[in-house]
Amino acid sequence: MSFISTGVEYGLHCLLYLTAPAPHAPAPGVRDLADLQGVPAEYLAKVFTKLSRAGLVVATEGARGGFALARPADEISFLDVVHAIDGDKALFECREIRERCAVFNSEAPVWATTGVCSIHAIMLAAEKRMRDELASHSLKDLAEQVAAKAPADFSPQIANWLEERTLNRRGDHDTHHLET
């Protein structure tokens, strides 16, 4: 079992598409982003509810409504996304096993239970390093890394794909409206 959920991974991929939208591309909706990544829309809707509650995304209005980043990409860290989707949970929960050593005859000596458990102290240090690392990377950093790897036509392909979906939905809606 991983500490960071799959929802965080999907959330980061979705937010990546929102970091630098094409000038005239529609704001993608949850269904669009779900289809783009091959994940159920219902699952991604739950992720976006959490991202929205955390103030990382906002819903855009209008016929071409979808989602946009709530603040600049360089102000949203990986840690923000982890907290939004998974919550601010501890990496390790000490069970104070040190108190139950059989040789203590049901009463642990003070030396064994004074201060933070040595195992827990190491886990706290590891958690701090992990959080610091996650906090040091922004969505902007991620977008720059992907842009450096992806071919130049990748972003326009995504924008075109989203635009076609929006036009198709709009056409379906207009056709349905005319039949009614």
N, C-alpha and C. Protein backbone atom coordinates (compact mmCIF):
# COMPACT_ATOMS: atom_id res chain seq x y z
N MET A 1 0.85 -1.18 0.00
CA MET A 1 0.00 0.00 0.00
C MET A 1 0.89 1.24 0.00
N SER A 2 0.59 2.16 -0.87
CA SER A 2 1.42 3.36 -0.95
C SER A 2 0.90 4.44 -0.02
N PHE A 3 1.80 5.29 0.39
CA PHE A 3 1.44 6.41 1.27
C PHE A 3 0.63 7.46 0.52
N ILE A 4 1.02 7.71 -0.72
CA ILE A 4 0.33 8.71 -1.54
C ILE A 4 -0.58 7.96 -2.51
N SER A 5 -1.84 8.36 -2.54
CA SER A 5 -2.84 7.63 -3.32
C SER A 5 -2.72 7.85 -4.82
N THR A 6 -3.40 6.98 -5.54
CA THR A 6 -3.50 7.09 -6.99
C THR A 6 -4.23 8.39 -7.36
N GLY A 7 -5.16 8.82 -6.49
CA GLY A 7 -5.89 10.07 -6.72
C GLY A 7 -4.94 11.26 -6.86
N VAL A 8 -3.86 11.25 -6.10
CA VAL A 8 -2.87 12.33 -6.20
C VAL A 8 -2.21 12.29 -7.57
N GLU A 9 -1.87 11.11 -8.03
CA GLU A 9 -1.24 10.99 -9.35
C GLU A 9 -2.17 11.51 -10.45
N TYR A 10 -3.44 11.07 -10.41
CA TYR A 10 -4.40 11.56 -11.40
C TYR A 10 -4.61 13.06 -11.25
N GLY A 11 -4.68 13.53 -10.03
CA GLY A 11 -4.85 14.96 -9.79
C GLY A 11 -3.71 15.78 -10.38
N LEU A 12 -2.49 15.32 -10.17
CA LEU A 12 -1.34 16.04 -10.72
C LEU A 12 -1.35 16.03 -12.25
N HIS A 13 -1.71 14.89 -12.85
CA HIS A 13 -1.80 14.84 -14.31
C HIS A 13 -2.86 15.83 -14.81
N CYS A 14 -3.98 15.87 -14.16
CA CYS A 14 -5.05 16.80 -14.56
C CYS A 14 -4.60 18.25 -14.39
N LEU A 15 -4.00 18.55 -13.26
CA LEU A 15 -3.55 19.92 -13.01
C LEU A 15 -2.48 20.34 -14.01
N LEU A 16 -1.68 19.38 -14.45
CA LEU A 16 -0.68 19.66 -15.47
C LEU A 16 -1.34 20.23 -16.73
N TYR A 17 -2.49 19.66 -17.12
CA TYR A 17 -3.20 20.15 -18.31
C TYR A 17 -3.79 21.54 -18.08
N LEU A 18 -3.95 21.94 -16.83
CA LEU A 18 -4.50 23.26 -16.53
C LEU A 18 -3.43 24.33 -16.34
N THR A 19 -2.16 23.95 -16.31
CA THR A 19 -1.10 24.91 -15.99
C THR A 19 -0.87 25.95 -17.09
N ALA A 20 -0.95 25.55 -18.31
CA ALA A 20 -0.70 26.49 -19.41
C ALA A 20 -1.68 26.20 -20.54
N PRO A 21 -2.96 26.51 -20.32
CA PRO A 21 -3.93 26.21 -21.37
C PRO A 21 -3.66 27.04 -22.63
N ALA A 22 -3.99 26.47 -23.76
CA ALA A 22 -3.85 27.21 -25.02
C ALA A 22 -4.79 28.41 -24.97
N PRO A 23 -4.41 29.52 -25.60
CA PRO A 23 -5.19 30.76 -25.49
C PRO A 23 -6.69 30.62 -25.76
N HIS A 24 -7.08 29.84 -26.74
CA HIS A 24 -8.50 29.75 -27.07
C HIS A 24 -9.09 28.38 -26.76
N ALA A 25 -8.31 27.56 -26.06
CA ALA A 25 -8.81 26.22 -25.72
C ALA A 25 -9.85 26.34 -24.61
N PRO A 26 -10.86 25.49 -24.66
CA PRO A 26 -11.87 25.52 -23.60
C PRO A 26 -11.29 25.00 -22.29
N ALA A 27 -11.87 25.47 -21.19
CA ALA A 27 -11.48 24.93 -19.89
C ALA A 27 -12.00 23.50 -19.82
N PRO A 28 -11.13 22.53 -19.61
CA PRO A 28 -11.59 21.14 -19.63
C PRO A 28 -12.46 20.81 -18.43
N GLY A 29 -13.45 19.99 -18.67
CA GLY A 29 -14.30 19.49 -17.61
C GLY A 29 -13.77 18.17 -17.09
N VAL A 30 -14.37 17.69 -16.02
CA VAL A 30 -13.94 16.43 -15.42
C VAL A 30 -14.07 15.28 -16.41
N ARG A 31 -15.17 15.22 -17.14
CA ARG A 31 -15.35 14.11 -18.09
C ARG A 31 -14.25 14.15 -19.16
N ASP A 32 -13.92 15.36 -19.64
CA ASP A 32 -12.86 15.48 -20.64
C ASP A 32 -11.54 14.96 -20.09
N LEU A 33 -11.19 15.40 -18.89
CA LEU A 33 -9.92 14.99 -18.29
C LEU A 33 -9.91 13.50 -17.98
N ALA A 34 -11.05 12.97 -17.58
CA ALA A 34 -11.15 11.54 -17.31
C ALA A 34 -10.95 10.74 -18.60
N ASP A 35 -11.63 11.15 -19.66
CA ASP A 35 -11.49 10.45 -20.94
C ASP A 35 -10.06 10.58 -21.48
N LEU A 36 -9.46 11.72 -21.29
CA LEU A 36 -8.10 11.96 -21.75
C LEU A 36 -7.12 10.98 -21.10
N GLN A 37 -7.41 10.62 -19.85
CA GLN A 37 -6.49 9.76 -19.09
C GLN A 37 -6.99 8.33 -18.91
N GLY A 38 -8.20 8.04 -19.39
CA GLY A 38 -8.71 6.68 -19.28
C GLY A 38 -9.09 6.28 -17.86
N VAL A 39 -9.69 7.20 -17.13
CA VAL A 39 -10.12 6.93 -15.75
C VAL A 39 -11.62 7.25 -15.66
N PRO A 40 -12.36 6.56 -14.81
CA PRO A 40 -13.79 6.86 -14.70
C PRO A 40 -14.05 8.31 -14.25
N ALA A 41 -14.98 8.96 -14.89
CA ALA A 41 -15.30 10.36 -14.58
C ALA A 41 -15.78 10.51 -13.14
N GLU A 42 -16.51 9.52 -12.63
CA GLU A 42 -17.01 9.59 -11.26
C GLU A 42 -15.86 9.65 -10.27
N TYR A 43 -14.81 8.88 -10.54
CA TYR A 43 -13.63 8.88 -9.68
C TYR A 43 -12.94 10.24 -9.72
N LEU A 44 -12.74 10.75 -10.92
CA LEU A 44 -12.06 12.03 -11.07
C LEU A 44 -12.90 13.18 -10.50
N ALA A 45 -14.22 13.06 -10.55
CA ALA A 45 -15.08 14.09 -9.96
C ALA A 45 -14.82 14.21 -8.47
N LYS A 46 -14.57 13.09 -7.81
CA LYS A 46 -14.26 13.13 -6.37
C LYS A 46 -12.93 13.82 -6.13
N VAL A 47 -11.96 13.55 -6.99
CA VAL A 47 -10.65 14.21 -6.88
C VAL A 47 -10.82 15.72 -7.06
N PHE A 48 -11.61 16.13 -8.06
CA PHE A 48 -11.79 17.56 -8.31
C PHE A 48 -12.60 18.24 -7.21
N THR A 49 -13.48 17.52 -6.57
CA THR A 49 -14.19 18.09 -5.42
C THR A 49 -13.19 18.45 -4.34
N LYS A 50 -12.23 17.57 -4.09
CA LYS A 50 -11.20 17.83 -3.08
C LYS A 50 -10.28 18.97 -3.50
N LEU A 51 -9.91 19.00 -4.78
CA LEU A 51 -9.04 20.08 -5.27
C LEU A 51 -9.75 21.43 -5.17
N SER A 52 -11.02 21.43 -5.44
CA SER A 52 -11.81 22.66 -5.37
C SER A 52 -11.94 23.13 -3.92
N ARG A 53 -12.26 22.21 -3.01
CA ARG A 53 -12.38 22.56 -1.59
C ARG A 53 -11.08 23.13 -1.05
N ALA A 54 -9.96 22.65 -1.56
CA ALA A 54 -8.65 23.11 -1.11
C ALA A 54 -8.24 24.42 -1.77
N GLY A 55 -9.06 24.92 -2.68
CA GLY A 55 -8.74 26.18 -3.34
C GLY A 55 -7.67 26.08 -4.40
N LEU A 56 -7.51 24.89 -4.98
CA LEU A 56 -6.50 24.72 -6.02
C LEU A 56 -7.07 24.88 -7.42
N VAL A 57 -8.37 24.60 -7.59
CA VAL A 57 -9.04 24.79 -8.87
C VAL A 57 -10.35 25.53 -8.65
N VAL A 58 -10.81 26.17 -9.72
CA VAL A 58 -12.11 26.83 -9.71
C VAL A 58 -12.87 26.39 -10.95
N ALA A 59 -14.17 26.32 -10.80
CA ALA A 59 -15.02 26.00 -11.95
C ALA A 59 -15.22 27.26 -12.77
N THR A 60 -15.11 27.10 -14.10
CA THR A 60 -15.36 28.24 -14.99
C THR A 60 -16.81 28.17 -15.43
N GLU A 61 -17.34 29.29 -15.80
CA GLU A 61 -18.76 29.36 -16.15
C GLU A 61 -18.96 29.37 -17.65
N GLY A 62 -20.19 29.16 -18.04
CA GLY A 62 -20.56 29.27 -19.44
C GLY A 62 -20.68 27.93 -20.12
N ALA A 63 -21.04 27.99 -21.40
CA ALA A 63 -21.23 26.78 -22.20
C ALA A 63 -19.93 26.00 -22.32
N ARG A 64 -18.82 26.70 -22.25
CA ARG A 64 -17.53 26.02 -22.35
C ARG A 64 -16.89 25.87 -20.97
N GLY A 65 -17.72 25.83 -19.95
CA GLY A 65 -17.22 25.75 -18.58
C GLY A 65 -16.46 24.47 -18.30
N GLY A 66 -15.57 24.56 -17.37
CA GLY A 66 -14.74 23.44 -16.96
C GLY A 66 -14.00 23.85 -15.71
N PHE A 67 -12.72 23.54 -15.65
CA PHE A 67 -11.92 23.89 -14.50
C PHE A 67 -10.67 24.65 -14.92
N ALA A 68 -10.24 25.53 -14.03
CA ALA A 68 -9.00 26.29 -14.20
C ALA A 68 -8.28 26.30 -12.86
N LEU A 69 -6.99 26.57 -12.90
CA LEU A 69 -6.25 26.70 -11.65
C LEU A 69 -6.76 27.92 -10.89
N ALA A 70 -6.83 27.81 -9.58
CA ALA A 70 -7.33 28.90 -8.74
C ALA A 70 -6.23 29.93 -8.46
N ARG A 71 -4.99 29.53 -8.65
CA ARG A 71 -3.87 30.46 -8.48
C ARG A 71 -2.76 30.03 -9.43
N PRO A 72 -1.74 30.87 -9.60
CA PRO A 72 -0.68 30.54 -10.56
C PRO A 72 -0.01 29.19 -10.24
N ALA A 73 0.43 28.53 -11.30
CA ALA A 73 1.02 27.19 -11.18
C ALA A 73 2.26 27.19 -10.29
N ASP A 74 2.99 28.30 -10.25
CA ASP A 74 4.18 28.33 -9.40
C ASP A 74 3.84 28.49 -7.92
N GLU A 75 2.57 28.69 -7.62
CA GLU A 75 2.12 28.82 -6.23
C GLU A 75 1.38 27.58 -5.74
N ILE A 76 1.37 26.53 -6.53
CA ILE A 76 0.72 25.27 -6.13
C ILE A 76 1.80 24.20 -6.10
N SER A 77 2.08 23.69 -4.91
CA SER A 77 3.12 22.68 -4.76
C SER A 77 2.53 21.28 -4.80
N PHE A 78 3.41 20.32 -4.99
CA PHE A 78 2.99 18.91 -4.92
C PHE A 78 2.39 18.63 -3.55
N LEU A 79 2.97 19.22 -2.51
CA LEU A 79 2.45 19.01 -1.16
C LEU A 79 1.03 19.55 -1.03
N ASP A 80 0.73 20.68 -1.66
CA ASP A 80 -0.63 21.20 -1.66
C ASP A 80 -1.61 20.18 -2.25
N VAL A 81 -1.20 19.55 -3.33
CA VAL A 81 -2.05 18.57 -4.00
C VAL A 81 -2.22 17.32 -3.13
N VAL A 82 -1.15 16.85 -2.53
CA VAL A 82 -1.23 15.69 -1.64
C VAL A 82 -2.18 15.99 -0.48
N HIS A 83 -2.03 17.15 0.15
CA HIS A 83 -2.91 17.51 1.26
C HIS A 83 -4.35 17.63 0.81
N ALA A 84 -4.58 18.21 -0.35
CA ALA A 84 -5.94 18.38 -0.86
C ALA A 84 -6.64 17.04 -1.08
N ILE A 85 -5.93 16.10 -1.65
CA ILE A 85 -6.55 14.83 -2.04
C ILE A 85 -6.48 13.78 -0.94
N ASP A 86 -5.35 13.64 -0.31
CA ASP A 86 -5.17 12.59 0.71
C ASP A 86 -5.29 13.09 2.14
N GLY A 87 -5.28 14.40 2.32
CA GLY A 87 -5.30 14.94 3.68
C GLY A 87 -3.90 15.05 4.23
N ASP A 88 -3.80 15.64 5.39
CA ASP A 88 -2.50 15.85 6.03
C ASP A 88 -2.26 14.72 7.03
N LYS A 89 -2.01 13.54 6.50
CA LYS A 89 -1.84 12.37 7.37
C LYS A 89 -0.37 12.11 7.64
N ALA A 90 -0.13 11.51 8.79
CA ALA A 90 1.24 11.18 9.18
C ALA A 90 1.76 10.00 8.36
N LEU A 91 3.04 10.00 8.11
CA LEU A 91 3.68 8.91 7.40
C LEU A 91 3.72 7.65 8.27
N PHE A 92 3.85 7.84 9.57
CA PHE A 92 4.02 6.73 10.50
C PHE A 92 3.26 7.04 11.77
N GLU A 93 2.61 6.03 12.30
CA GLU A 93 1.92 6.19 13.58
C GLU A 93 2.58 5.25 14.59
N CYS A 94 3.23 5.83 15.57
CA CYS A 94 3.92 5.04 16.59
C CYS A 94 2.89 4.37 17.49
N ARG A 95 3.04 3.07 17.69
CA ARG A 95 2.11 2.29 18.53
C ARG A 95 2.65 2.11 19.95
N GLU A 96 3.75 2.76 20.27
CA GLU A 96 4.39 2.68 21.59
C GLU A 96 4.64 1.22 22.00
N ILE A 97 5.10 0.45 21.04
CA ILE A 97 5.41 -0.96 21.28
C ILE A 97 6.48 -1.09 22.36
N ARG A 98 7.32 -0.10 22.47
CA ARG A 98 8.41 -0.14 23.45
C ARG A 98 7.88 -0.33 24.88
N GLU A 99 6.66 0.02 25.14
CA GLU A 99 6.07 -0.13 26.48
C GLU A 99 5.68 -1.57 26.78
N ARG A 100 5.59 -2.42 25.75
CA ARG A 100 5.04 -3.77 25.94
C ARG A 100 6.10 -4.88 25.90
N CYS A 101 7.33 -4.55 26.04
CA CYS A 101 8.39 -5.56 26.01
C CYS A 101 8.16 -6.56 27.14
N ALA A 102 8.23 -7.84 26.83
CA ALA A 102 7.94 -8.91 27.79
C ALA A 102 8.82 -8.86 29.04
N VAL A 103 10.05 -8.42 28.92
CA VAL A 103 10.95 -8.41 30.08
C VAL A 103 10.61 -7.31 31.08
N PHE A 104 9.71 -6.40 30.70
CA PHE A 104 9.35 -5.32 31.62
C PHE A 104 8.28 -5.74 32.63
N ASN A 105 7.74 -6.95 32.49
CA ASN A 105 6.72 -7.45 33.42
C ASN A 105 5.58 -6.47 33.62
N SER A 106 5.01 -6.01 32.53
CA SER A 106 3.84 -5.13 32.48
C SER A 106 4.06 -3.71 33.01
N GLU A 107 5.28 -3.37 33.37
CA GLU A 107 5.54 -1.99 33.78
C GLU A 107 6.88 -1.53 33.20
N ALA A 108 6.80 -0.76 32.12
CA ALA A 108 8.01 -0.32 31.43
C ALA A 108 8.77 0.68 32.29
N PRO A 109 10.10 0.56 32.33
CA PRO A 109 10.89 1.54 33.09
C PRO A 109 10.90 2.90 32.40
N VAL A 110 11.18 3.93 33.15
CA VAL A 110 11.18 5.30 32.64
C VAL A 110 12.15 5.46 31.48
N TRP A 111 13.34 4.84 31.58
CA TRP A 111 14.32 5.01 30.50
C TRP A 111 13.78 4.52 29.16
N ALA A 112 12.91 3.52 29.18
CA ALA A 112 12.39 2.93 27.94
C ALA A 112 11.29 3.77 27.31
N THR A 113 10.64 4.61 28.10
CA THR A 113 9.48 5.35 27.58
C THR A 113 9.65 6.87 27.61
N THR A 114 10.81 7.34 28.02
CA THR A 114 11.04 8.78 28.08
C THR A 114 11.35 9.33 26.70
N GLY A 115 10.72 10.45 26.39
CA GLY A 115 10.97 11.11 25.11
C GLY A 115 10.30 10.40 23.96
N VAL A 116 10.61 10.90 22.78
CA VAL A 116 10.05 10.33 21.56
C VAL A 116 10.72 8.98 21.31
N CYS A 117 9.93 8.01 20.94
CA CYS A 117 10.44 6.69 20.56
C CYS A 117 11.52 6.89 19.48
N SER A 118 12.62 6.18 19.62
CA SER A 118 13.73 6.33 18.66
C SER A 118 13.32 5.99 17.24
N ILE A 119 12.46 4.98 17.10
CA ILE A 119 11.97 4.62 15.77
C ILE A 119 11.09 5.74 15.22
N HIS A 120 10.23 6.25 16.07
CA HIS A 120 9.33 7.34 15.66
C HIS A 120 10.14 8.58 15.27
N ALA A 121 11.21 8.86 15.99
CA ALA A 121 12.04 10.03 15.67
C ALA A 121 12.61 9.94 14.26
N ILE A 122 13.06 8.76 13.88
CA ILE A 122 13.59 8.57 12.52
C ILE A 122 12.49 8.74 11.50
N MET A 123 11.31 8.18 11.79
CA MET A 123 10.18 8.31 10.88
C MET A 123 9.73 9.77 10.75
N LEU A 124 9.77 10.52 11.84
CA LEU A 124 9.42 11.95 11.78
C LEU A 124 10.41 12.72 10.90
N ALA A 125 11.70 12.38 11.02
CA ALA A 125 12.71 13.04 10.19
C ALA A 125 12.50 12.70 8.71
N ALA A 126 12.17 11.44 8.43
CA ALA A 126 11.91 11.03 7.04
C ALA A 126 10.68 11.75 6.49
N GLU A 127 9.65 11.85 7.31
CA GLU A 127 8.43 12.55 6.88
C GLU A 127 8.71 14.01 6.58
N LYS A 128 9.51 14.65 7.44
CA LYS A 128 9.84 16.06 7.21
C LYS A 128 10.57 16.24 5.89
N ARG A 129 11.52 15.37 5.61
CA ARG A 129 12.26 15.45 4.34
C ARG A 129 11.33 15.25 3.15
N MET A 130 10.41 14.28 3.27
CA MET A 130 9.47 14.02 2.18
C MET A 130 8.59 15.25 1.95
N ARG A 131 8.04 15.82 3.03
CA ARG A 131 7.18 16.99 2.90
C ARG A 131 7.95 18.19 2.33
N ASP A 132 9.18 18.37 2.79
CA ASP A 132 10.00 19.46 2.25
C ASP A 132 10.24 19.28 0.76
N GLU A 133 10.50 18.05 0.34
CA GLU A 133 10.73 17.77 -1.08
C GLU A 133 9.46 18.04 -1.89
N LEU A 134 8.32 17.55 -1.42
CA LEU A 134 7.06 17.79 -2.12
C LEU A 134 6.73 19.28 -2.18
N ALA A 135 7.02 20.00 -1.11
CA ALA A 135 6.74 21.44 -1.08
C ALA A 135 7.67 22.22 -2.01
N SER A 136 8.82 21.64 -2.33
CA SER A 136 9.79 22.37 -3.16
C SER A 136 9.50 22.26 -4.67
N HIS A 137 8.50 21.48 -5.05
CA HIS A 137 8.16 21.31 -6.47
C HIS A 137 6.77 21.85 -6.74
N SER A 138 6.68 22.72 -7.73
CA SER A 138 5.39 23.33 -8.08
C SER A 138 4.85 22.73 -9.37
N LEU A 139 3.59 23.05 -9.64
CA LEU A 139 3.00 22.63 -10.92
C LEU A 139 3.75 23.25 -12.09
N LYS A 140 4.23 24.47 -11.89
CA LYS A 140 5.01 25.11 -12.96
C LYS A 140 6.28 24.31 -13.25
N ASP A 141 6.95 23.84 -12.18
CA ASP A 141 8.15 23.01 -12.37
C ASP A 141 7.80 21.75 -13.17
N LEU A 142 6.69 21.12 -12.81
CA LEU A 142 6.25 19.92 -13.50
C LEU A 142 5.98 20.21 -14.97
N ALA A 143 5.27 21.30 -15.24
CA ALA A 143 4.95 21.66 -16.62
C ALA A 143 6.22 21.90 -17.43
N GLU A 144 7.20 22.54 -16.82
CA GLU A 144 8.47 22.79 -17.52
C GLU A 144 9.21 21.49 -17.81
N GLN A 145 9.18 20.55 -16.87
CA GLN A 145 9.84 19.27 -17.09
C GLN A 145 9.17 18.50 -18.22
N VAL A 146 7.84 18.50 -18.22
CA VAL A 146 7.11 17.79 -19.28
C VAL A 146 7.34 18.46 -20.63
N ALA A 147 7.31 19.78 -20.65
CA ALA A 147 7.52 20.52 -21.90
C ALA A 147 8.90 20.24 -22.48
N ALA A 148 9.89 20.06 -21.61
CA ALA A 148 11.25 19.78 -22.07
C ALA A 148 11.34 18.39 -22.71
N LYS A 149 10.46 17.46 -22.30
CA LYS A 149 10.50 16.09 -22.83
C LYS A 149 9.58 15.89 -24.01
N ALA A 150 8.42 16.52 -23.96
CA ALA A 150 7.38 16.27 -24.97
C ALA A 150 7.72 16.95 -26.30
N PRO A 151 7.24 16.37 -27.40
CA PRO A 151 7.44 17.05 -28.69
C PRO A 151 6.64 18.36 -28.71
N ALA A 152 7.07 19.27 -29.52
CA ALA A 152 6.45 20.61 -29.58
C ALA A 152 4.97 20.56 -29.92
N ASP A 153 4.53 19.53 -30.63
CA ASP A 153 3.12 19.48 -31.02
C ASP A 153 2.21 18.82 -29.99
N PHE A 154 2.75 18.40 -28.82
CA PHE A 154 1.94 17.73 -27.83
C PHE A 154 0.88 18.66 -27.23
N SER A 155 1.28 19.82 -26.76
CA SER A 155 0.30 20.76 -26.17
C SER A 155 -0.79 21.15 -27.16
N PRO A 156 -0.44 21.50 -28.40
CA PRO A 156 -1.50 21.79 -29.37
C PRO A 156 -2.42 20.59 -29.62
N GLN A 157 -1.87 19.37 -29.59
CA GLN A 157 -2.71 18.18 -29.77
C GLN A 157 -3.74 18.09 -28.64
N ILE A 158 -3.31 18.33 -27.42
CA ILE A 158 -4.23 18.29 -26.27
C ILE A 158 -5.28 19.37 -26.43
N ALA A 159 -4.86 20.59 -26.77
CA ALA A 159 -5.80 21.71 -26.94
C ALA A 159 -6.82 21.39 -28.04
N ASN A 160 -6.35 20.84 -29.16
CA ASN A 160 -7.27 20.48 -30.25
C ASN A 160 -8.25 19.39 -29.83
N TRP A 161 -7.76 18.41 -29.11
CA TRP A 161 -8.61 17.32 -28.65
C TRP A 161 -9.72 17.87 -27.74
N LEU A 162 -9.34 18.75 -26.81
CA LEU A 162 -10.33 19.34 -25.90
C LEU A 162 -11.31 20.23 -26.66
N GLU A 163 -10.82 20.99 -27.62
CA GLU A 163 -11.67 21.87 -28.42
C GLU A 163 -12.70 21.05 -29.20
N GLU A 164 -12.26 19.96 -29.83
CA GLU A 164 -13.17 19.11 -30.59
C GLU A 164 -14.25 18.52 -29.69
N ARG A 165 -13.87 18.11 -28.49
CA ARG A 165 -14.86 17.56 -27.55
C ARG A 165 -15.89 18.61 -27.17
N THR A 166 -15.43 19.82 -26.94
CA THR A 166 -16.35 20.90 -26.57
C THR A 166 -17.31 21.19 -27.71
N LEU A 167 -16.79 21.27 -28.92
CA LEU A 167 -17.65 21.52 -30.08
C LEU A 167 -18.63 20.39 -30.30
N ASN A 168 -18.18 19.15 -30.12
CA ASN A 168 -19.07 18.00 -30.27
C ASN A 168 -20.17 18.02 -29.22
N ARG A 169 -19.81 18.34 -27.99
CA ARG A 169 -20.83 18.42 -26.93
C ARG A 169 -21.82 19.54 -27.23
N ARG A 170 -21.30 20.65 -27.68
CA ARG A 170 -22.15 21.79 -28.00
C ARG A 170 -23.10 21.42 -29.15
N GLY A 171 -22.56 20.72 -30.15
CA GLY A 171 -23.38 20.27 -31.27
C GLY A 171 -24.43 19.28 -30.82
N ASP A 172 -24.04 18.35 -29.93
CA ASP A 172 -25.01 17.38 -29.41
C ASP A 172 -26.10 18.09 -28.63
N HIS A 173 -25.71 19.08 -27.84
CA HIS A 173 -26.68 19.82 -27.04
C HIS A 173 -27.64 20.58 -27.94
N ASP A 174 -27.10 21.23 -28.99
CA ASP A 174 -27.94 22.00 -29.91
C ASP A 174 -28.90 21.08 -30.65
N THR A 175 -28.40 19.91 -31.09
CA THR A 175 -29.25 18.95 -31.79
C THR A 175 -30.35 18.46 -30.86
N HIS A 176 -30.00 18.13 -29.63
CA HIS A 176 -30.98 17.64 -28.67
C HIS A 176 -32.02 18.73 -28.40
N HIS A 177 -31.55 19.95 -28.28
CA HIS A 177 -32.45 21.07 -28.00
C HIS A 177 -33.44 21.26 -29.15
N LEU A 178 -32.98 21.07 -30.40
CA LEU A 178 -33.86 21.25 -31.56
C LEU A 178 -34.90 20.15 -31.65
N GLU A 179 -34.55 18.95 -31.20
CA GLU A 179 -35.49 17.83 -31.27
C GLU A 179 -36.59 17.94 -30.22
N THR A 180 -36.37 18.69 -29.18
CA THR A 180 -37.33 18.75 -28.09
C THR A 180 -38.49 19.63 -28.39
